[in-house]
């Protein structure tokens, strides 16, 4: 059996955001039509190292026919040892015969498909006249969120970067961002004004669309700060106890998930559900239902909308299958005999 093996550098050469966006959209729509499986998430903490590992697995049926899993490790202390803080492996299998298609670095696939998820949801649920996009959190994932959103939302004219922990108030991040977007993702939007605003209250008060991508375990955005019609794509809360926005923002909002059960268990919806702010019945549906036209997304310009993304293995798997095919076409990667 021949298996394609791909490292991060090779994946960076192969994967392009527009194609990843289309793959992620396809999986969300396949899920809405019953053609995916999301198997239970496995999570384990190493408290003495402030580290965590999680295993996500699932399948995409229909025309795609791929199943598999990924294991991700987040070891913040690795930076002091000269090692990557974020690492993992992804295995994808052909669901028609059970043969392994490929083994690859999981971190880059995760970054790309997570960025696509944020951009897709923001474009689908924001007001049509949304002009100001706020990104809360300027860590390694932020550029992928920004790249996908700017590709999908041509009406955005102002980008506000908000991270109180950035050095020099975020000036360096903002100055480097256009070049980094072009170099890493081939995204250019010279029509967009980019500013840094370390004050979260001030930043969110300006925003039409907010994408949150932090590891926060307490609300960073309060209900009283937001204006009517704001959309939130909450991407960072993907494990028990994580929380980026005030649970009160959920009260009366129109709420969507990538997977309702998983979001109520480990997503941004977890705390509002546990504290009685919302029930399962308050969730309007999943993002795939909106993309398929099965349910309406935003229903008024004054409405607060929320998308809760916990991350689905089928998104990784469809991206991995595409990467394997492109690697074969381009002669990249190593082929191993098993």
C-alpha atoms as a PDB file:
ATOM      1  CA  UNK A   1       0.000   0.000   0.000  1.00  0.00           C
ATOM      2  CA  UNK A   2       1.377   3.412  -1.027  1.00  0.00           C
ATOM      3  CA  UNK A   3       0.718   6.353   1.293  1.00  0.00           C
ATOM      4  CA  UNK A   4       1.444   9.994   0.550  1.00  0.00           C
ATOM      5  CA  UNK A   5       3.325  11.761   3.380  1.00  0.00           C
ATOM      6  CA  UNK A   6       3.246  15.567   3.460  1.00  0.00           C
ATOM      7  CA  UNK A   7       5.021  18.015   5.747  1.00  0.00           C
ATOM      8  CA  UNK A   8       3.917  21.570   6.537  1.00  0.00           C
ATOM      9  CA  UNK A   9       6.124  23.232   3.937  1.00  0.00           C
ATOM     10  CA  UNK A  10       4.719  21.028   1.194  1.00  0.00           C
ATOM     11  CA  UNK A  11       1.156  21.728   2.341  1.00  0.00           C
ATOM     12  CA  UNK A  12       1.886  25.454   2.194  1.00  0.00           C
ATOM     13  CA  UNK A  13       2.898  25.011  -1.442  1.00  0.00           C
ATOM     14  CA  UNK A  14      -0.169  22.929  -2.265  1.00  0.00           C
ATOM     15  CA  UNK A  15      -3.161  24.438  -0.467  1.00  0.00           C
ATOM     16  CA  UNK A  16      -4.790  27.694  -1.590  1.00  0.00           C
ATOM     17  CA  UNK A  17      -7.473  29.446   0.439  1.00  0.00           C
ATOM     18  CA  UNK A  18     -10.154  29.710  -2.292  1.00  0.00           C
ATOM     19  CA  UNK A  19     -10.051  25.934  -2.827  1.00  0.00           C
ATOM     20  CA  UNK A  20     -10.090  25.257   0.921  1.00  0.00           C
ATOM     21  CA  UNK A  21     -13.117  27.557   1.270  1.00  0.00           C
ATOM     22  CA  UNK A  22     -14.994  25.599  -1.383  1.00  0.00           C
ATOM     23  CA  UNK A  23     -14.127  22.314   0.332  1.00  0.00           C
ATOM     24  CA  UNK A  24     -15.294  23.569   3.718  1.00  0.00           C
ATOM     25  CA  UNK A  25     -18.540  24.887   2.226  1.00  0.00           C
ATOM     26  CA  UNK A  26     -19.080  21.516   0.600  1.00  0.00           C
ATOM     27  CA  UNK A  27     -18.642  19.682   3.909  1.00  0.00           C
ATOM     28  CA  UNK A  28     -21.027  22.016   5.746  1.00  0.00           C
ATOM     29  CA  UNK A  29     -23.636  21.409   3.060  1.00  0.00           C
ATOM     30  CA  UNK A  30     -22.991  17.664   3.060  1.00  0.00           C
ATOM     31  CA  UNK A  31     -23.553  17.674   6.831  1.00  0.00           C
ATOM     32  CA  UNK A  32     -26.876  19.443   6.343  1.00  0.00           C
ATOM     33  CA  UNK A  33     -27.845  16.629   3.949  1.00  0.00           C
ATOM     34  CA  UNK A  34     -26.786  13.845   6.332  1.00  0.00           C
ATOM     35  CA  UNK A  35     -23.623  12.882   4.446  1.00  0.00           C
ATOM     36  CA  UNK A  36     -21.083  13.354   7.250  1.00  0.00           C
ATOM     37  CA  UNK A  37     -20.251  11.787  10.604  1.00  0.00           C
ATOM     38  CA  UNK A  38     -18.696  13.646  13.542  1.00  0.00           C
ATOM     39  CA  UNK A  39     -17.392  11.162  16.075  1.00  0.00           C
ATOM     40  CA  UNK A  40     -16.927  12.054  19.772  1.00  0.00           C
ATOM     41  CA  UNK A  41     -14.076  14.438  20.552  1.00  0.00           C
ATOM     42  CA  UNK A  42     -11.344  13.113  22.843  1.00  0.00           C
ATOM     43  CA  UNK A  43      -9.521  15.681  24.993  1.00  0.00           C
ATOM     44  CA  UNK A  44      -6.746  15.207  27.556  1.00  0.00           C
ATOM     45  CA  UNK A  45      -4.954  17.818  29.669  1.00  0.00           C
ATOM     46  CA  UNK A  46      -1.418  17.715  31.054  1.00  0.00           C
ATOM     47  CA  UNK A  47      -1.795  20.253  33.902  1.00  0.00           C
ATOM     48  CA  UNK A  48       1.835  20.159  34.977  1.00  0.00           C
ATOM     49  CA  UNK A  49       2.834  21.331  31.483  1.00  0.00           C
ATOM     50  CA  UNK A  50      -0.159  23.592  30.824  1.00  0.00           C
ATOM     51  CA  UNK A  51      -0.624  21.426  27.743  1.00  0.00           C
ATOM     52  CA  UNK A  52      -3.547  19.735  26.024  1.00  0.00           C
ATOM     53  CA  UNK A  53      -4.070  17.200  23.282  1.00  0.00           C
ATOM     54  CA  UNK A  54      -7.286  16.506  21.417  1.00  0.00           C
ATOM     55  CA  UNK A  55      -8.360  13.914  18.890  1.00  0.00           C
ATOM     56  CA  UNK A  56     -11.059  14.665  16.324  1.00  0.00           C
ATOM     57  CA  UNK A  57     -12.394  12.088  13.912  1.00  0.00           C
ATOM     58  CA  UNK A  58     -15.213  11.593  11.453  1.00  0.00           C
ATOM     59  CA  UNK A  59     -16.199  10.920   7.864  1.00  0.00           C
ATOM     60  CA  UNK A  60     -17.568  12.528   4.719  1.00  0.00           C
ATOM     61  CA  UNK A  61     -19.682  10.293   2.519  1.00  0.00           C
ATOM     62  CA  UNK A  62     -21.473  11.050  -0.765  1.00  0.00           C
ATOM     63  CA  UNK A  63     -19.071  11.833  -3.586  1.00  0.00           C
ATOM     64  CA  UNK A  64     -16.121  12.548  -1.255  1.00  0.00           C
ATOM     65  CA  UNK A  65     -15.793   9.261   0.648  1.00  0.00           C
ATOM     66  CA  UNK A  66     -13.060   9.971   3.162  1.00  0.00           C
ATOM     67  CA  UNK A  67     -12.737   9.198   6.867  1.00  0.00           C
ATOM     68  CA  UNK A  68      -9.989   9.551   9.437  1.00  0.00           C
ATOM     69  CA  UNK A  69      -8.680  11.468  12.401  1.00  0.00           C
ATOM     70  CA  UNK A  70      -6.224  14.045  13.617  1.00  0.00           C
ATOM     71  CA  UNK A  71      -4.378  14.473  16.890  1.00  0.00           C
ATOM     72  CA  UNK A  72      -3.349  18.000  17.861  1.00  0.00           C
ATOM     73  CA  UNK A  73      -1.002  18.936  20.689  1.00  0.00           C
ATOM     74  CA  UNK A  74      -0.797  22.406  22.211  1.00  0.00           C
ATOM     75  CA  UNK A  75       2.319  22.764  24.393  1.00  0.00           C
ATOM     76  CA  UNK A  76       2.890  26.489  25.049  1.00  0.00           C
ATOM     77  CA  UNK A  77       6.107  25.786  26.942  1.00  0.00           C
ATOM     78  CA  UNK A  78       7.722  24.383  23.812  1.00  0.00           C
ATOM     79  CA  UNK A  79       8.659  27.860  22.604  1.00  0.00           C
ATOM     80  CA  UNK A  80      11.271  28.071  25.352  1.00  0.00           C
ATOM     81  CA  UNK A  81      12.736  24.772  24.132  1.00  0.00           C
ATOM     82  CA  UNK A  82      12.924  25.812  20.497  1.00  0.00           C
ATOM     83  CA  UNK A  83      10.058  23.472  19.578  1.00  0.00           C
ATOM     84  CA  UNK A  84       6.701  24.253  17.935  1.00  0.00           C
ATOM     85  CA  UNK A  85       3.972  24.989  20.471  1.00  0.00           C
ATOM     86  CA  UNK A  86       1.318  23.597  18.129  1.00  0.00           C
ATOM     87  CA  UNK A  87       1.829  20.240  16.410  1.00  0.00           C
ATOM     88  CA  UNK A  88      -0.099  17.224  15.243  1.00  0.00           C
ATOM     89  CA  UNK A  89      -0.693  14.535  12.654  1.00  0.00           C
ATOM     90  CA  UNK A  90      -3.627  13.855  10.352  1.00  0.00           C
ATOM     91  CA  UNK A  91      -4.529  10.527   8.749  1.00  0.00           C
ATOM     92  CA  UNK A  92      -7.057  10.253   5.926  1.00  0.00           C
ATOM     93  CA  UNK A  93      -8.546   7.014   4.561  1.00  0.00           C
ATOM     94  CA  UNK A  94     -10.514   6.135   1.431  1.00  0.00           C
ATOM     95  CA  UNK A  95     -13.976   5.177   2.699  1.00  0.00           C
ATOM     96  CA  UNK A  96     -14.667   2.951  -0.306  1.00  0.00           C
ATOM     97  CA  UNK A  97     -11.917   0.475   0.609  1.00  0.00           C
ATOM     98  CA  UNK A  98     -10.400   1.534   3.954  1.00  0.00           C
ATOM     99  CA  UNK A  99      -6.968   2.211   2.449  1.00  0.00           C
ATOM    100  CA  UNK A 100      -4.902   5.069   3.872  1.00  0.00           C
ATOM    101  CA  UNK A 101      -4.661   8.009   1.463  1.00  0.00           C
ATOM    102  CA  UNK A 102      -2.166  10.115   3.347  1.00  0.00           C
ATOM    103  CA  UNK A 103      -0.459  11.140   6.561  1.00  0.00           C
ATOM    104  CA  UNK A 104       0.381  14.790   7.026  1.00  0.00           C
ATOM    105  CA  UNK A 105       1.091  17.691   9.313  1.00  0.00           C
ATOM    106  CA  UNK A 106      -2.198  18.630  10.974  1.00  0.00           C
ATOM    107  CA  UNK A 107      -1.406  22.159  12.091  1.00  0.00           C
ATOM    108  CA  UNK A 108      -1.447  23.831   8.652  1.00  0.00           C
ATOM    109  CA  UNK A 109      -4.560  21.980   7.504  1.00  0.00           C
ATOM    110  CA  UNK A 110      -6.247  23.082  10.742  1.00  0.00           C
ATOM    111  CA  UNK A 111      -5.206  26.710  10.241  1.00  0.00           C
ATOM    112  CA  UNK A 112      -6.517  26.822   6.674  1.00  0.00           C
ATOM    113  CA  UNK A 113      -9.853  25.119   7.242  1.00  0.00           C
ATOM    114  CA  UNK A 114     -10.457  27.098  10.462  1.00  0.00           C
ATOM    115  CA  UNK A 115      -9.847  30.344   8.596  1.00  0.00           C
ATOM    116  CA  UNK A 116     -12.256  29.212   5.905  1.00  0.00           C
ATOM    117  CA  UNK A 117     -14.912  28.427   8.531  1.00  0.00           C
ATOM    118  CA  UNK A 118     -14.631  31.886  10.055  1.00  0.00           C
ATOM    119  CA  UNK A 119     -14.825  33.610   6.691  1.00  0.00           C
ATOM    120  CA  UNK A 120     -17.735  31.521   5.410  1.00  0.00           C
ATOM    121  CA  UNK A 121     -19.833  32.126   8.515  1.00  0.00           C
ATOM    122  CA  UNK A 122     -19.075  35.856   8.613  1.00  0.00           C
ATOM    123  CA  UNK A 123     -20.030  36.267   4.955  1.00  0.00           C
ATOM    124  CA  UNK A 124     -23.219  34.234   5.384  1.00  0.00           C
ATOM    125  CA  UNK A 125     -24.503  35.896   8.562  1.00  0.00           C
ATOM    126  CA  UNK A 126     -23.248  39.494   8.604  1.00  0.00           C
ATOM    127  CA  UNK A 127     -25.412  42.355   7.397  1.00  0.00           C
ATOM    128  CA  UNK A 128     -25.119  42.895   3.655  1.00  0.00           C
ATOM    129  CA  UNK A 129     -23.814  46.398   4.283  1.00  0.00           C
ATOM    130  CA  UNK A 130     -21.157  45.344   6.818  1.00  0.00           C
ATOM    131  CA  UNK A 131     -18.047  47.474   6.315  1.00  0.00           C
ATOM    132  CA  UNK A 132     -15.962  47.072   9.490  1.00  0.00           C
ATOM    133  CA  UNK A 133     -14.463  43.731  10.485  1.00  0.00           C
ATOM    134  CA  UNK A 134     -12.898  43.270  13.917  1.00  0.00           C
ATOM    135  CA  UNK A 135     -10.524  40.411  14.695  1.00  0.00           C
ATOM    136  CA  UNK A 136     -10.168  39.658  18.411  1.00  0.00           C
ATOM    137  CA  UNK A 137      -6.849  37.876  18.907  1.00  0.00           C
ATOM    138  CA  UNK A 138      -3.703  38.294  16.818  1.00  0.00           C
ATOM    139  CA  UNK A 139      -2.131  34.882  17.328  1.00  0.00           C
ATOM    140  CA  UNK A 140      -1.024  32.394  14.689  1.00  0.00           C
ATOM    141  CA  UNK A 141      -4.591  31.724  13.500  1.00  0.00           C
ATOM    142  CA  UNK A 142      -5.542  35.350  12.900  1.00  0.00           C
ATOM    143  CA  UNK A 143      -4.071  35.707   9.422  1.00  0.00           C
ATOM    144  CA  UNK A 144      -6.133  32.779   8.128  1.00  0.00           C
ATOM    145  CA  UNK A 145      -9.336  34.302   9.528  1.00  0.00           C
ATOM    146  CA  UNK A 146      -8.482  37.634   7.953  1.00  0.00           C
ATOM    147  CA  UNK A 147      -7.511  36.143   4.597  1.00  0.00           C
ATOM    148  CA  UNK A 148     -10.694  34.101   4.212  1.00  0.00           C
ATOM    149  CA  UNK A 149     -12.969  36.925   5.379  1.00  0.00           C
ATOM    150  CA  UNK A 150     -11.410  39.462   3.015  1.00  0.00           C
ATOM    151  CA  UNK A 151     -11.766  37.048   0.098  1.00  0.00           C
ATOM    152  CA  UNK A 152     -15.437  36.418   0.860  1.00  0.00           C
ATOM    153  CA  UNK A 153     -16.535  39.891   1.985  1.00  0.00           C
ATOM    154  CA  UNK A 154     -15.691  42.472  -0.699  1.00  0.00           C
ATOM    155  CA  UNK A 155     -17.803  45.065   1.151  1.00  0.00           C
ATOM    156  CA  UNK A 156     -15.372  45.211   4.074  1.00  0.00           C
ATOM    157  CA  UNK A 157     -13.460  48.497   3.965  1.00  0.00           C
ATOM    158  CA  UNK A 158     -11.993  48.662   7.471  1.00  0.00           C
ATOM    159  CA  UNK A 159     -10.183  45.967   9.439  1.00  0.00           C
ATOM    160  CA  UNK A 160      -9.670  46.480  13.176  1.00  0.00           C
ATOM    161  CA  UNK A 161      -7.068  44.263  14.859  1.00  0.00           C
ATOM    162  CA  UNK A 162      -7.687  43.972  18.596  1.00  0.00           C
ATOM    163  CA  UNK A 163      -5.275  42.207  20.900  1.00  0.00           C
ATOM    164  CA  UNK A 164      -4.348  43.932  24.185  1.00  0.00           C
ATOM    165  CA  UNK A 165      -1.249  41.745  24.425  1.00  0.00           C
ATOM    166  CA  UNK A 166       0.340  42.854  21.160  1.00  0.00           C
ATOM    167  CA  UNK A 167       3.594  44.773  21.563  1.00  0.00           C
ATOM    168  CA  UNK A 168       3.587  48.433  20.474  1.00  0.00           C
ATOM    169  CA  UNK A 169      -0.205  48.451  20.496  1.00  0.00           C
ATOM    170  CA  UNK A 170      -0.335  46.298  17.366  1.00  0.00           C
ATOM    171  CA  UNK A 171       1.420  48.775  15.083  1.00  0.00           C
ATOM    172  CA  UNK A 172       3.981  46.215  13.909  1.00  0.00           C
ATOM    173  CA  UNK A 173       1.316  43.585  13.223  1.00  0.00           C
ATOM    174  CA  UNK A 174      -0.735  46.048  11.160  1.00  0.00           C
ATOM    175  CA  UNK A 175       2.271  47.248   9.141  1.00  0.00           C
ATOM    176  CA  UNK A 176       3.321  43.691   8.294  1.00  0.00           C
ATOM    177  CA  UNK A 177      -0.167  42.337   7.589  1.00  0.00           C
ATOM    178  CA  UNK A 178      -0.616  43.289   3.891  1.00  0.00           C
ATOM    179  CA  UNK A 179       2.732  41.738   3.009  1.00  0.00           C
ATOM    180  CA  UNK A 180       2.053  38.633   5.085  1.00  0.00           C
ATOM    181  CA  UNK A 181      -1.379  38.165   3.496  1.00  0.00           C
ATOM    182  CA  UNK A 182       0.160  38.349   0.030  1.00  0.00           C
ATOM    183  CA  UNK A 183       3.103  36.093   0.863  1.00  0.00           C
ATOM    184  CA  UNK A 184       1.267  33.437   2.860  1.00  0.00           C
ATOM    185  CA  UNK A 185      -2.206  33.373   1.298  1.00  0.00           C
ATOM    186  CA  UNK A 186      -1.924  35.349  -1.950  1.00  0.00           C
ATOM    187  CA  UNK A 187      -4.623  37.726  -0.691  1.00  0.00           C
ATOM    188  CA  UNK A 188      -4.506  41.424  -1.610  1.00  0.00           C
ATOM    189  CA  UNK A 189      -7.073  44.021  -0.493  1.00  0.00           C
ATOM    190  CA  UNK A 190      -5.471  47.473  -0.870  1.00  0.00           C
ATOM    191  CA  UNK A 191      -8.929  49.041  -0.532  1.00  0.00           C
ATOM    192  CA  UNK A 192      -9.148  47.999   3.149  1.00  0.00           C
ATOM    193  CA  UNK A 193      -7.914  50.336   5.883  1.00  0.00           C
ATOM    194  CA  UNK A 194      -6.147  48.331   8.598  1.00  0.00           C
ATOM    195  CA  UNK A 195      -5.884  49.704  12.121  1.00  0.00           C
ATOM    196  CA  UNK A 196      -4.935  48.380  15.551  1.00  0.00           C
ATOM    197  CA  UNK A 197      -7.175  49.107  18.539  1.00  0.00           C
ATOM    198  CA  UNK A 198      -6.036  47.439  21.783  1.00  0.00           C
ATOM    199  CA  UNK A 199      -9.112  48.651  23.697  1.00  0.00           C
ATOM    200  CA  UNK A 200     -11.668  45.851  23.224  1.00  0.00           C
ATOM    201  CA  UNK A 201     -14.698  47.962  24.160  1.00  0.00           C
ATOM    202  CA  UNK A 202     -13.764  50.655  21.657  1.00  0.00           C
ATOM    203  CA  UNK A 203     -12.973  48.137  18.927  1.00  0.00           C
ATOM    204  CA  UNK A 204     -16.199  46.160  19.241  1.00  0.00           C
ATOM    205  CA  UNK A 205     -18.241  49.355  19.313  1.00  0.00           C
ATOM    206  CA  UNK A 206     -16.991  50.127  15.791  1.00  0.00           C
ATOM    207  CA  UNK A 207     -17.520  46.652  14.374  1.00  0.00           C
ATOM    208  CA  UNK A 208     -20.215  45.265  12.100  1.00  0.00           C
ATOM    209  CA  UNK A 209     -18.620  41.811  12.099  1.00  0.00           C
ATOM    210  CA  UNK A 210     -16.468  40.286  14.838  1.00  0.00           C
ATOM    211  CA  UNK A 211     -14.341  37.152  14.548  1.00  0.00           C
ATOM    212  CA  UNK A 212     -12.966  35.940  17.879  1.00  0.00           C
ATOM    213  CA  UNK A 213      -9.949  33.643  17.869  1.00  0.00           C
ATOM    214  CA  UNK A 214      -8.498  33.538  21.382  1.00  0.00           C
ATOM    215  CA  UNK A 215      -7.908  30.858  24.053  1.00  0.00           C
ATOM    216  CA  UNK A 216      -9.906  32.901  26.583  1.00  0.00           C
ATOM    217  CA  UNK A 217     -11.697  31.288  29.528  1.00  0.00           C
ATOM    218  CA  UNK A 218     -13.650  34.379  30.498  1.00  0.00           C
ATOM    219  CA  UNK A 219     -15.649  36.816  28.371  1.00  0.00           C
ATOM    220  CA  UNK A 220     -13.542  39.382  26.544  1.00  0.00           C
ATOM    221  CA  UNK A 221     -16.569  41.152  25.005  1.00  0.00           C
ATOM    222  CA  UNK A 222     -19.512  42.351  27.089  1.00  0.00           C
ATOM    223  CA  UNK A 223     -23.130  42.713  25.978  1.00  0.00           C
ATOM    224  CA  UNK A 224     -23.332  46.445  26.691  1.00  0.00           C
ATOM    225  CA  UNK A 225     -20.455  47.190  24.302  1.00  0.00           C
ATOM    226  CA  UNK A 226     -22.061  45.892  21.111  1.00  0.00           C
ATOM    227  CA  UNK A 227     -24.355  47.682  18.675  1.00  0.00           C
ATOM    228  CA  UNK A 228     -27.494  46.241  17.038  1.00  0.00           C
ATOM    229  CA  UNK A 229     -26.870  44.142  13.953  1.00  0.00           C
ATOM    230  CA  UNK A 230     -23.412  42.894  14.956  1.00  0.00           C
ATOM    231  CA  UNK A 231     -22.393  39.421  13.838  1.00  0.00           C
ATOM    232  CA  UNK A 232     -20.033  37.225  15.887  1.00  0.00           C
ATOM    233  CA  UNK A 233     -18.094  34.253  14.528  1.00  0.00           C
ATOM    234  CA  UNK A 234     -16.732  32.627  17.688  1.00  0.00           C
ATOM    235  CA  UNK A 235     -13.845  30.392  16.683  1.00  0.00           C
ATOM    236  CA  UNK A 236     -11.614  30.100  19.757  1.00  0.00           C
ATOM    237  CA  UNK A 237     -13.895  28.251  22.188  1.00  0.00           C
ATOM    238  CA  UNK A 238     -13.422  24.605  21.226  1.00  0.00           C
ATOM    239  CA  UNK A 239     -12.888  22.889  24.590  1.00  0.00           C
ATOM    240  CA  UNK A 240     -14.743  22.723  27.885  1.00  0.00           C
ATOM    241  CA  UNK A 241     -14.462  25.980  29.833  1.00  0.00           C
ATOM    242  CA  UNK A 242     -13.334  28.219  26.973  1.00  0.00           C
ATOM    243  CA  UNK A 243     -15.396  31.391  26.605  1.00  0.00           C
ATOM    244  CA  UNK A 244     -14.823  34.510  24.484  1.00  0.00           C
ATOM    245  CA  UNK A 245     -18.061  36.529  24.637  1.00  0.00           C
ATOM    246  CA  UNK A 246     -20.541  37.443  27.351  1.00  0.00           C
ATOM    247  CA  UNK A 247     -23.265  34.764  27.645  1.00  0.00           C
ATOM    248  CA  UNK A 248     -25.825  37.592  27.732  1.00  0.00           C
ATOM    249  CA  UNK A 249     -25.016  38.310  24.064  1.00  0.00           C
ATOM    250  CA  UNK A 250     -26.744  35.003  23.297  1.00  0.00           C
ATOM    251  CA  UNK A 251     -30.016  36.133  24.862  1.00  0.00           C
ATOM    252  CA  UNK A 252     -32.343  36.905  21.956  1.00  0.00           C
ATOM    253  CA  UNK A 253     -29.634  36.407  19.325  1.00  0.00           C
ATOM    254  CA  UNK A 254     -29.999  34.197  16.259  1.00  0.00           C
ATOM    255  CA  UNK A 255     -27.539  31.374  16.903  1.00  0.00           C
ATOM    256  CA  UNK A 256     -25.889  28.933  14.509  1.00  0.00           C
ATOM    257  CA  UNK A 257     -23.353  26.137  15.083  1.00  0.00           C
ATOM    258  CA  UNK A 258     -21.060  23.941  13.042  1.00  0.00           C
ATOM    259  CA  UNK A 259     -22.378  20.957  15.055  1.00  0.00           C
ATOM    260  CA  UNK A 260     -25.115  21.671  17.604  1.00  0.00           C
ATOM    261  CA  UNK A 261     -24.354  18.795  19.994  1.00  0.00           C
ATOM    262  CA  UNK A 262     -20.629  19.508  20.042  1.00  0.00           C
ATOM    263  CA  UNK A 263     -21.101  23.264  20.460  1.00  0.00           C
ATOM    264  CA  UNK A 264     -23.454  22.835  23.416  1.00  0.00           C
ATOM    265  CA  UNK A 265     -20.889  20.518  24.985  1.00  0.00           C
ATOM    266  CA  UNK A 266     -17.572  22.284  24.331  1.00  0.00           C
ATOM    267  CA  UNK A 267     -18.187  25.451  22.296  1.00  0.00           C
ATOM    268  CA  UNK A 268     -19.093  29.071  22.918  1.00  0.00           C
ATOM    269  CA  UNK A 269     -22.632  27.811  23.547  1.00  0.00           C
ATOM    270  CA  UNK A 270     -21.466  25.673  26.490  1.00  0.00           C
ATOM    271  CA  UNK A 271     -21.562  28.308  29.252  1.00  0.00           C
ATOM    272  CA  UNK A 272     -24.811  30.003  28.116  1.00  0.00           C
ATOM    273  CA  UNK A 273     -26.455  26.564  27.975  1.00  0.00           C
ATOM    274  CA  UNK A 274     -25.140  25.467  31.375  1.00  0.00           C
ATOM    275  CA  UNK A 275     -26.233  28.725  33.027  1.00  0.00           C
ATOM    276  CA  UNK A 276     -29.712  28.675  31.502  1.00  0.00           C
ATOM    277  CA  UNK A 277     -29.268  31.679  29.211  1.00  0.00           C
ATOM    278  CA  UNK A 278     -30.137  29.471  26.225  1.00  0.00           C
ATOM    279  CA  UNK A 279     -31.491  26.008  25.565  1.00  0.00           C
ATOM    280  CA  UNK A 280     -30.998  23.780  22.549  1.00  0.00           C
ATOM    281  CA  UNK A 281     -34.266  25.140  21.171  1.00  0.00           C
ATOM    282  CA  UNK A 282     -32.701  28.615  20.965  1.00  0.00           C
ATOM    283  CA  UNK A 283     -30.179  27.425  18.361  1.00  0.00           C
ATOM    284  CA  UNK A 284     -31.622  28.247  14.955  1.00  0.00           C
ATOM    285  CA  UNK A 285     -29.608  25.547  13.188  1.00  0.00           C
ATOM    286  CA  UNK A 286     -26.255  24.688  11.676  1.00  0.00           C
ATOM    287  CA  UNK A 287     -24.313  26.762   9.177  1.00  0.00           C
ATOM    288  CA  UNK A 288     -24.757  24.084   6.520  1.00  0.00           C
ATOM    289  CA  UNK A 289     -28.530  24.531   6.739  1.00  0.00           C
ATOM    290  CA  UNK A 290     -28.067  28.217   5.895  1.00  0.00           C
ATOM    291  CA  UNK A 291     -25.675  27.518   3.021  1.00  0.00           C
ATOM    292  CA  UNK A 292     -28.108  24.946   1.586  1.00  0.00           C
ATOM    293  CA  UNK A 293     -31.036  27.347   1.889  1.00  0.00           C
ATOM    294  CA  UNK A 294     -32.870  25.055   4.302  1.00  0.00           C
ATOM    295  CA  UNK A 295     -33.181  27.787   6.917  1.00  0.00           C
ATOM    296  CA  UNK A 296     -32.835  31.540   6.866  1.00  0.00           C
ATOM    297  CA  UNK A 297     -29.708  33.105   8.328  1.00  0.00           C
ATOM    298  CA  UNK A 298     -29.999  36.704   9.491  1.00  0.00           C
ATOM    299  CA  UNK A 299     -33.631  37.852   9.470  1.00  0.00           C
ATOM    300  CA  UNK A 300     -33.155  41.597  10.131  1.00  0.00           C
ATOM    301  CA  UNK A 301     -30.448  44.252  10.084  1.00  0.00           C
ATOM    302  CA  UNK A 302     -30.932  44.885  13.809  1.00  0.00           C
ATOM    303  CA  UNK A 303     -30.474  41.257  14.811  1.00  0.00           C
ATOM    304  CA  UNK A 304     -27.425  39.960  16.680  1.00  0.00           C
ATOM    305  CA  UNK A 305     -26.164  36.786  15.005  1.00  0.00           C
ATOM    306  CA  UNK A 306     -23.694  34.280  16.404  1.00  0.00           C
ATOM    307  CA  UNK A 307     -21.832  31.411  14.786  1.00  0.00           C
ATOM    308  CA  UNK A 308     -20.209  28.920  17.152  1.00  0.00           C
ATOM    309  CA  UNK A 309     -17.435  26.824  15.597  1.00  0.00           C
ATOM    310  CA  UNK A 310     -15.861  23.973  17.534  1.00  0.00           C
ATOM    311  CA  UNK A 311     -14.051  22.463  14.551  1.00  0.00           C
ATOM    312  CA  UNK A 312     -15.151  19.358  12.682  1.00  0.00           C
ATOM    313  CA  UNK A 313     -12.912  16.514  11.556  1.00  0.00           C
ATOM    314  CA  UNK A 314     -14.703  16.276   8.168  1.00  0.00           C
ATOM    315  CA  UNK A 315     -13.334  19.748   7.344  1.00  0.00           C
ATOM    316  CA  UNK A 316      -9.785  18.501   7.923  1.00  0.00           C
ATOM    317  CA  UNK A 317     -10.439  15.332   5.968  1.00  0.00           C
ATOM    318  CA  UNK A 318     -11.802  16.950   2.821  1.00  0.00           C
ATOM    319  CA  UNK A 319      -8.841  19.359   2.885  1.00  0.00           C
ATOM    320  CA  UNK A 320      -6.444  16.440   3.368  1.00  0.00           C
ATOM    321  CA  UNK A 321      -7.909  14.467   0.488  1.00  0.00           C
ATOM    322  CA  UNK A 322      -7.559  17.474  -1.810  1.00  0.00           C
ATOM    323  CA  UNK A 323      -3.964  17.954  -0.634  1.00  0.00           C
ATOM    324  CA  UNK A 324      -3.088  14.341  -1.441  1.00  0.00           C
ATOM    325  CA  UNK A 325      -4.515  14.646  -4.958  1.00  0.00           C
ATOM    326  CA  UNK A 326      -2.702  17.931  -5.597  1.00  0.00           C
ATOM    327  CA  UNK A 327       0.547  16.486  -4.230  1.00  0.00           C
ATOM    328  CA  UNK A 328       0.306  13.609  -6.707  1.00  0.00           C
ATOM    329  CA  UNK A 329      -0.357  15.994  -9.585  1.00  0.00           C
ATOM    330  CA  UNK A 330       2.553  18.265  -8.609  1.00  0.00           C
ATOM    331  CA  UNK A 331       4.966  15.484  -7.660  1.00  0.00           C
ATOM    332  CA  UNK A 332       5.326  16.746  -4.080  1.00  0.00           C
ATOM    333  CA  UNK A 333       5.679  14.846  -0.848  1.00  0.00           C
ATOM    334  CA  UNK A 334       7.076  11.448  -0.043  1.00  0.00           C
ATOM    335  CA  UNK A 335       5.405   8.187  -0.986  1.00  0.00           C
ATOM    336  CA  UNK A 336       5.806   5.533   1.694  1.00  0.00           C
ATOM    337  CA  UNK A 337       5.206   1.809   1.388  1.00  0.00           C
ATOM    338  CA  UNK A 338       3.250   0.293   4.283  1.00  0.00           C
END
